[in-house]
Amino acid sequence: MIVTAWNNGAHSRNGAGYGFKVSVADRDLHFKPEWDVIVLELEGEEPFEVNINKEAFWSEACRELMSANIGKWLRQQGLAPWPKGNPPYFVVDPLEDNRFSVSKAGKKSGKKPF
C-alpha cells in the first residue's frame, strides 16, 4: 500500500506531530479494529508500536498513523520538513498480523495517491 507523510503543521524537531496518512481502502483492507497497536519497521530502525485504537484513525477524515518515531525517522532521512503540498510517500507492506514494513517510494508530484 502507498501512504503519504503527514504533519500536523508544527514540523517539530523532536518528531512529534508526524505520521503516515493511509487511504480508507487500505486501512479497511490491512488494519483490524480489534488491534490496539501495529508494529512498524522503518528502514534502518528498530520496530516500534503505533496506536490505532482511536476514533480518529477509523474515521473517514483522519486515518493517520502518528508517532514521534516516524517524525524522527523522516527528519533523519532528510524527508521532513517537505515543501508545502508535496509530502513524500512510502510503500507499506504487511508482514504478518499487525506488523508492517515501511520503505521509501519517492516524492509525490502533487497528485494524491488516493
N, C-alpha and C. Protein backbone atom coordinates (compact mmCIF):
# COMPACT_ATOMS: atom_id res chain seq x y z
N MET A 1 0.85 -1.18 0.00
CA MET A 1 0.00 0.00 0.00
C MET A 1 0.89 1.23 0.00
N ILE A 2 0.37 2.31 -0.53
CA ILE A 2 1.09 3.57 -0.57
C ILE A 2 0.50 4.49 0.49
N VAL A 3 1.38 5.09 1.30
CA VAL A 3 0.95 6.06 2.30
C VAL A 3 1.72 7.36 2.06
N THR A 4 1.17 8.44 2.56
CA THR A 4 1.77 9.75 2.41
C THR A 4 2.23 10.26 3.76
N ALA A 5 3.40 10.89 3.80
CA ALA A 5 3.84 11.51 5.05
C ALA A 5 2.83 12.58 5.44
N TRP A 6 2.65 12.73 6.74
CA TRP A 6 1.67 13.68 7.27
C TRP A 6 2.31 14.46 8.41
N ASN A 7 1.89 15.70 8.58
CA ASN A 7 2.33 16.52 9.71
C ASN A 7 1.18 17.40 10.14
N ASN A 8 1.14 17.67 11.45
CA ASN A 8 0.06 18.49 12.00
C ASN A 8 0.28 19.99 11.79
N GLY A 9 1.35 20.35 11.09
CA GLY A 9 1.64 21.75 10.81
C GLY A 9 2.76 22.32 11.65
N ALA A 10 3.17 21.61 12.71
CA ALA A 10 4.19 22.13 13.61
C ALA A 10 5.61 21.82 13.15
N HIS A 11 5.82 20.73 12.44
CA HIS A 11 7.15 20.30 11.98
C HIS A 11 8.17 20.33 13.12
N SER A 12 7.81 19.70 14.22
CA SER A 12 8.64 19.67 15.42
C SER A 12 9.94 18.90 15.19
N ARG A 13 11.03 19.43 15.69
CA ARG A 13 12.34 18.78 15.55
C ARG A 13 12.41 17.45 16.30
N ASN A 14 11.58 17.29 17.34
CA ASN A 14 11.63 16.03 18.11
C ASN A 14 10.76 14.94 17.49
N GLY A 15 10.15 15.22 16.35
CA GLY A 15 9.37 14.22 15.64
C GLY A 15 7.89 14.20 15.97
N ALA A 16 7.49 14.90 17.00
CA ALA A 16 6.07 14.92 17.38
C ALA A 16 5.25 15.55 16.25
N GLY A 17 4.05 15.04 16.06
CA GLY A 17 3.14 15.61 15.07
C GLY A 17 3.32 15.06 13.66
N TYR A 18 4.12 14.02 13.50
CA TYR A 18 4.32 13.40 12.19
C TYR A 18 3.65 12.04 12.13
N GLY A 19 3.41 11.59 10.92
CA GLY A 19 2.84 10.27 10.73
C GLY A 19 2.71 9.93 9.26
N PHE A 20 1.93 8.90 9.00
CA PHE A 20 1.63 8.47 7.64
C PHE A 20 0.13 8.45 7.46
N LYS A 21 -0.35 9.03 6.36
CA LYS A 21 -1.79 9.02 6.05
C LYS A 21 -2.09 7.80 5.19
N VAL A 22 -3.10 7.05 5.62
CA VAL A 22 -3.49 5.80 4.96
C VAL A 22 -4.83 6.02 4.26
N SER A 23 -4.99 5.48 3.08
CA SER A 23 -6.28 5.60 2.40
C SER A 23 -7.34 4.78 3.14
N VAL A 24 -8.59 5.14 2.96
CA VAL A 24 -9.69 4.40 3.58
C VAL A 24 -9.66 2.95 3.12
N ALA A 25 -9.48 2.74 1.82
CA ALA A 25 -9.48 1.37 1.28
C ALA A 25 -8.36 0.53 1.88
N ASP A 26 -7.15 1.10 1.96
CA ASP A 26 -6.03 0.36 2.54
C ASP A 26 -6.22 0.13 4.04
N ARG A 27 -6.73 1.13 4.73
CA ARG A 27 -7.00 0.95 6.16
C ARG A 27 -7.96 -0.21 6.38
N ASP A 28 -9.05 -0.21 5.63
CA ASP A 28 -10.06 -1.24 5.82
C ASP A 28 -9.57 -2.62 5.39
N LEU A 29 -8.66 -2.67 4.44
CA LEU A 29 -8.14 -3.94 3.95
C LEU A 29 -7.04 -4.52 4.85
N HIS A 30 -6.16 -3.66 5.36
CA HIS A 30 -4.96 -4.14 6.04
C HIS A 30 -4.94 -4.00 7.56
N PHE A 31 -5.84 -3.21 8.12
CA PHE A 31 -5.85 -2.96 9.56
C PHE A 31 -7.14 -3.49 10.17
N LYS A 32 -7.05 -3.96 11.40
CA LYS A 32 -8.22 -4.53 12.06
C LYS A 32 -8.61 -3.69 13.27
N PRO A 33 -9.90 -3.36 13.38
CA PRO A 33 -10.35 -2.53 14.50
C PRO A 33 -10.05 -3.15 15.87
N GLU A 34 -9.92 -4.46 15.93
CA GLU A 34 -9.64 -5.09 17.23
C GLU A 34 -8.18 -4.94 17.67
N TRP A 35 -7.31 -4.50 16.77
CA TRP A 35 -5.92 -4.25 17.15
C TRP A 35 -5.83 -2.94 17.93
N ASP A 36 -5.08 -2.95 19.01
CA ASP A 36 -4.80 -1.71 19.75
C ASP A 36 -3.63 -0.97 19.11
N VAL A 37 -2.64 -1.73 18.66
CA VAL A 37 -1.44 -1.15 18.07
C VAL A 37 -1.04 -1.95 16.84
N ILE A 38 -0.20 -1.32 16.02
CA ILE A 38 0.50 -2.04 14.97
C ILE A 38 1.99 -1.86 15.25
N VAL A 39 2.80 -2.69 14.63
CA VAL A 39 4.25 -2.58 14.74
C VAL A 39 4.79 -2.15 13.38
N LEU A 40 5.53 -1.04 13.37
CA LEU A 40 6.14 -0.55 12.14
C LEU A 40 7.63 -0.82 12.15
N GLU A 41 8.14 -1.23 11.01
CA GLU A 41 9.57 -1.40 10.80
C GLU A 41 9.99 -0.39 9.73
N LEU A 42 10.68 0.66 10.16
CA LEU A 42 11.20 1.66 9.23
C LEU A 42 12.62 1.27 8.84
N GLU A 43 13.00 1.54 7.61
CA GLU A 43 14.35 1.20 7.14
C GLU A 43 15.41 1.70 8.11
N GLY A 44 16.23 0.77 8.62
CA GLY A 44 17.35 1.14 9.48
C GLY A 44 17.00 1.41 10.93
N GLU A 45 15.77 1.18 11.34
CA GLU A 45 15.34 1.48 12.71
C GLU A 45 14.78 0.23 13.38
N GLU A 46 14.78 0.26 14.70
CA GLU A 46 14.16 -0.81 15.48
C GLU A 46 12.64 -0.72 15.32
N PRO A 47 11.94 -1.85 15.28
CA PRO A 47 10.48 -1.81 15.21
C PRO A 47 9.88 -1.09 16.42
N PHE A 48 8.74 -0.46 16.22
CA PHE A 48 8.06 0.24 17.31
C PHE A 48 6.56 0.15 17.10
N GLU A 49 5.83 0.38 18.18
CA GLU A 49 4.37 0.29 18.13
C GLU A 49 3.74 1.65 17.84
N VAL A 50 2.63 1.60 17.11
CA VAL A 50 1.83 2.79 16.82
C VAL A 50 0.39 2.48 17.22
N ASN A 51 -0.19 3.34 18.02
CA ASN A 51 -1.56 3.16 18.48
C ASN A 51 -2.55 3.40 17.35
N ILE A 52 -3.42 2.44 17.11
CA ILE A 52 -4.51 2.65 16.14
C ILE A 52 -5.87 2.50 16.82
N ASN A 53 -5.86 2.32 18.12
CA ASN A 53 -7.09 2.17 18.88
C ASN A 53 -7.62 3.54 19.26
N LYS A 54 -7.98 4.31 18.24
CA LYS A 54 -8.51 5.65 18.47
C LYS A 54 -9.50 5.98 17.37
N GLU A 55 -10.49 6.72 17.74
CA GLU A 55 -11.58 7.04 16.82
C GLU A 55 -11.08 7.74 15.55
N ALA A 56 -10.09 8.62 15.70
CA ALA A 56 -9.61 9.38 14.54
C ALA A 56 -9.07 8.47 13.44
N PHE A 57 -8.36 7.41 13.80
CA PHE A 57 -7.79 6.53 12.78
C PHE A 57 -8.89 5.84 11.99
N TRP A 58 -9.99 5.55 12.64
CA TRP A 58 -11.08 4.82 11.99
C TRP A 58 -12.13 5.74 11.37
N SER A 59 -11.89 7.06 11.42
CA SER A 59 -12.83 8.00 10.80
C SER A 59 -12.52 8.12 9.31
N GLU A 60 -13.42 8.75 8.59
CA GLU A 60 -13.20 8.97 7.16
C GLU A 60 -12.20 10.10 6.92
N ALA A 61 -12.09 11.03 7.86
CA ALA A 61 -11.29 12.23 7.64
C ALA A 61 -9.81 12.08 7.98
N CYS A 62 -9.50 11.41 9.06
CA CYS A 62 -8.11 11.43 9.55
C CYS A 62 -7.27 10.28 8.99
N ARG A 63 -7.29 9.14 9.61
CA ARG A 63 -6.60 7.93 9.15
C ARG A 63 -5.08 8.01 9.22
N GLU A 64 -4.52 8.79 10.13
CA GLU A 64 -3.06 8.88 10.22
C GLU A 64 -2.51 7.89 11.24
N LEU A 65 -1.39 7.30 10.88
CA LEU A 65 -0.58 6.54 11.82
C LEU A 65 0.39 7.56 12.39
N MET A 66 0.22 7.94 13.65
CA MET A 66 1.02 9.03 14.22
C MET A 66 2.01 8.51 15.25
N SER A 67 3.25 9.01 15.15
CA SER A 67 4.28 8.64 16.11
C SER A 67 5.47 9.58 15.96
N ALA A 68 6.03 9.97 17.10
CA ALA A 68 7.25 10.77 17.07
C ALA A 68 8.38 9.98 16.42
N ASN A 69 8.35 8.65 16.52
CA ASN A 69 9.38 7.82 15.88
C ASN A 69 9.34 8.01 14.36
N ILE A 70 8.15 8.13 13.81
CA ILE A 70 8.02 8.37 12.37
C ILE A 70 8.63 9.73 12.03
N GLY A 71 8.30 10.73 12.82
CA GLY A 71 8.83 12.07 12.57
C GLY A 71 10.34 12.14 12.68
N LYS A 72 10.90 11.49 13.69
CA LYS A 72 12.36 11.47 13.84
C LYS A 72 13.01 10.81 12.63
N TRP A 73 12.43 9.70 12.19
CA TRP A 73 12.97 8.99 11.04
C TRP A 73 12.88 9.84 9.78
N LEU A 74 11.73 10.48 9.56
CA LEU A 74 11.57 11.34 8.38
C LEU A 74 12.61 12.45 8.38
N ARG A 75 12.83 13.05 9.54
CA ARG A 75 13.80 14.15 9.65
C ARG A 75 15.23 13.64 9.45
N GLN A 76 15.55 12.48 10.03
CA GLN A 76 16.89 11.90 9.87
C GLN A 76 17.18 11.57 8.41
N GLN A 77 16.16 11.17 7.69
CA GLN A 77 16.31 10.80 6.28
C GLN A 77 16.31 12.03 5.36
N GLY A 78 16.11 13.21 5.93
CA GLY A 78 16.04 14.43 5.13
C GLY A 78 14.73 14.57 4.36
N LEU A 79 13.70 13.85 4.82
CA LEU A 79 12.41 13.86 4.13
C LEU A 79 11.40 14.80 4.78
N ALA A 80 11.78 15.41 5.88
CA ALA A 80 10.90 16.36 6.57
C ALA A 80 11.78 17.47 7.14
N PRO A 81 11.27 18.68 7.19
CA PRO A 81 10.00 19.09 6.59
C PRO A 81 10.09 19.07 5.06
N TRP A 82 8.95 19.00 4.43
CA TRP A 82 8.87 18.94 2.98
C TRP A 82 8.21 20.20 2.45
N PRO A 83 8.35 20.46 1.15
CA PRO A 83 7.68 21.63 0.56
C PRO A 83 6.17 21.53 0.73
N LYS A 84 5.55 22.64 1.02
CA LYS A 84 4.10 22.67 1.24
C LYS A 84 3.36 22.01 0.09
N GLY A 85 2.48 21.08 0.45
CA GLY A 85 1.66 20.40 -0.54
C GLY A 85 2.36 19.28 -1.29
N ASN A 86 3.60 18.95 -0.91
CA ASN A 86 4.34 17.92 -1.64
C ASN A 86 5.06 16.96 -0.69
N PRO A 87 4.29 16.27 0.17
CA PRO A 87 4.94 15.34 1.10
C PRO A 87 5.45 14.10 0.37
N PRO A 88 6.47 13.45 0.93
CA PRO A 88 6.93 12.20 0.34
C PRO A 88 5.92 11.09 0.58
N TYR A 89 6.02 10.05 -0.20
CA TYR A 89 5.15 8.91 0.03
C TYR A 89 5.99 7.65 0.17
N PHE A 90 5.37 6.61 0.71
CA PHE A 90 6.09 5.41 1.11
C PHE A 90 5.28 4.17 0.78
N VAL A 91 5.99 3.06 0.69
CA VAL A 91 5.36 1.76 0.50
C VAL A 91 5.31 1.08 1.85
N VAL A 92 4.12 0.65 2.24
CA VAL A 92 3.94 -0.09 3.49
C VAL A 92 3.50 -1.50 3.12
N ASP A 93 4.30 -2.47 3.55
CA ASP A 93 4.00 -3.86 3.25
C ASP A 93 3.58 -4.60 4.51
N PRO A 94 2.44 -5.27 4.48
CA PRO A 94 2.06 -6.12 5.61
C PRO A 94 3.04 -7.29 5.70
N LEU A 95 3.53 -7.57 6.91
CA LEU A 95 4.46 -8.68 7.11
C LEU A 95 3.73 -9.88 7.70
N GLU A 96 3.12 -9.67 8.85
CA GLU A 96 2.29 -10.70 9.48
C GLU A 96 1.45 -10.03 10.55
N ASP A 97 0.23 -10.48 10.69
CA ASP A 97 -0.69 -9.92 11.67
C ASP A 97 -0.64 -8.40 11.64
N ASN A 98 -0.24 -7.79 12.76
CA ASN A 98 -0.25 -6.33 12.88
C ASN A 98 1.14 -5.72 12.65
N ARG A 99 2.00 -6.39 11.92
CA ARG A 99 3.37 -5.94 11.68
C ARG A 99 3.53 -5.52 10.22
N PHE A 100 4.15 -4.34 10.01
CA PHE A 100 4.29 -3.76 8.68
C PHE A 100 5.70 -3.20 8.50
N SER A 101 6.21 -3.28 7.27
CA SER A 101 7.48 -2.62 6.95
C SER A 101 7.19 -1.39 6.10
N VAL A 102 8.04 -0.38 6.26
CA VAL A 102 7.89 0.87 5.52
C VAL A 102 9.18 1.13 4.75
N SER A 103 9.04 1.43 3.47
CA SER A 103 10.21 1.79 2.66
C SER A 103 9.89 3.02 1.82
N LYS A 104 10.94 3.71 1.44
CA LYS A 104 10.79 4.93 0.65
C LYS A 104 10.27 4.59 -0.74
N ALA A 105 9.35 5.41 -1.22
CA ALA A 105 8.81 5.20 -2.56
C ALA A 105 9.17 6.35 -3.48
N GLY A 106 9.61 7.47 -2.94
CA GLY A 106 9.94 8.62 -3.77
C GLY A 106 9.17 9.84 -3.34
N LYS A 107 9.18 10.83 -4.18
CA LYS A 107 8.49 12.09 -3.91
C LYS A 107 7.20 12.14 -4.72
N LYS A 108 6.20 12.73 -4.11
CA LYS A 108 4.94 12.92 -4.82
C LYS A 108 5.07 14.06 -5.82
N SER A 109 4.23 14.02 -6.80
CA SER A 109 4.23 15.08 -7.81
C SER A 109 3.11 16.08 -7.56
N GLY A 110 2.60 16.11 -6.35
CA GLY A 110 1.49 16.99 -6.05
C GLY A 110 0.15 16.30 -6.24
N LYS A 111 0.15 15.14 -6.88
CA LYS A 111 -1.07 14.37 -7.10
C LYS A 111 -1.22 13.36 -5.97
N LYS A 112 -2.41 13.30 -5.39
CA LYS A 112 -2.65 12.38 -4.29
C LYS A 112 -2.70 10.94 -4.80
N PRO A 113 -2.04 10.00 -4.06
CA PRO A 113 -2.07 8.61 -4.49
C PRO A 113 -3.40 7.94 -4.19
N PHE A 114 -4.28 8.61 -3.45
CA PHE A 114 -5.60 8.05 -3.14
C PHE A 114 -6.60 9.14 -2.98
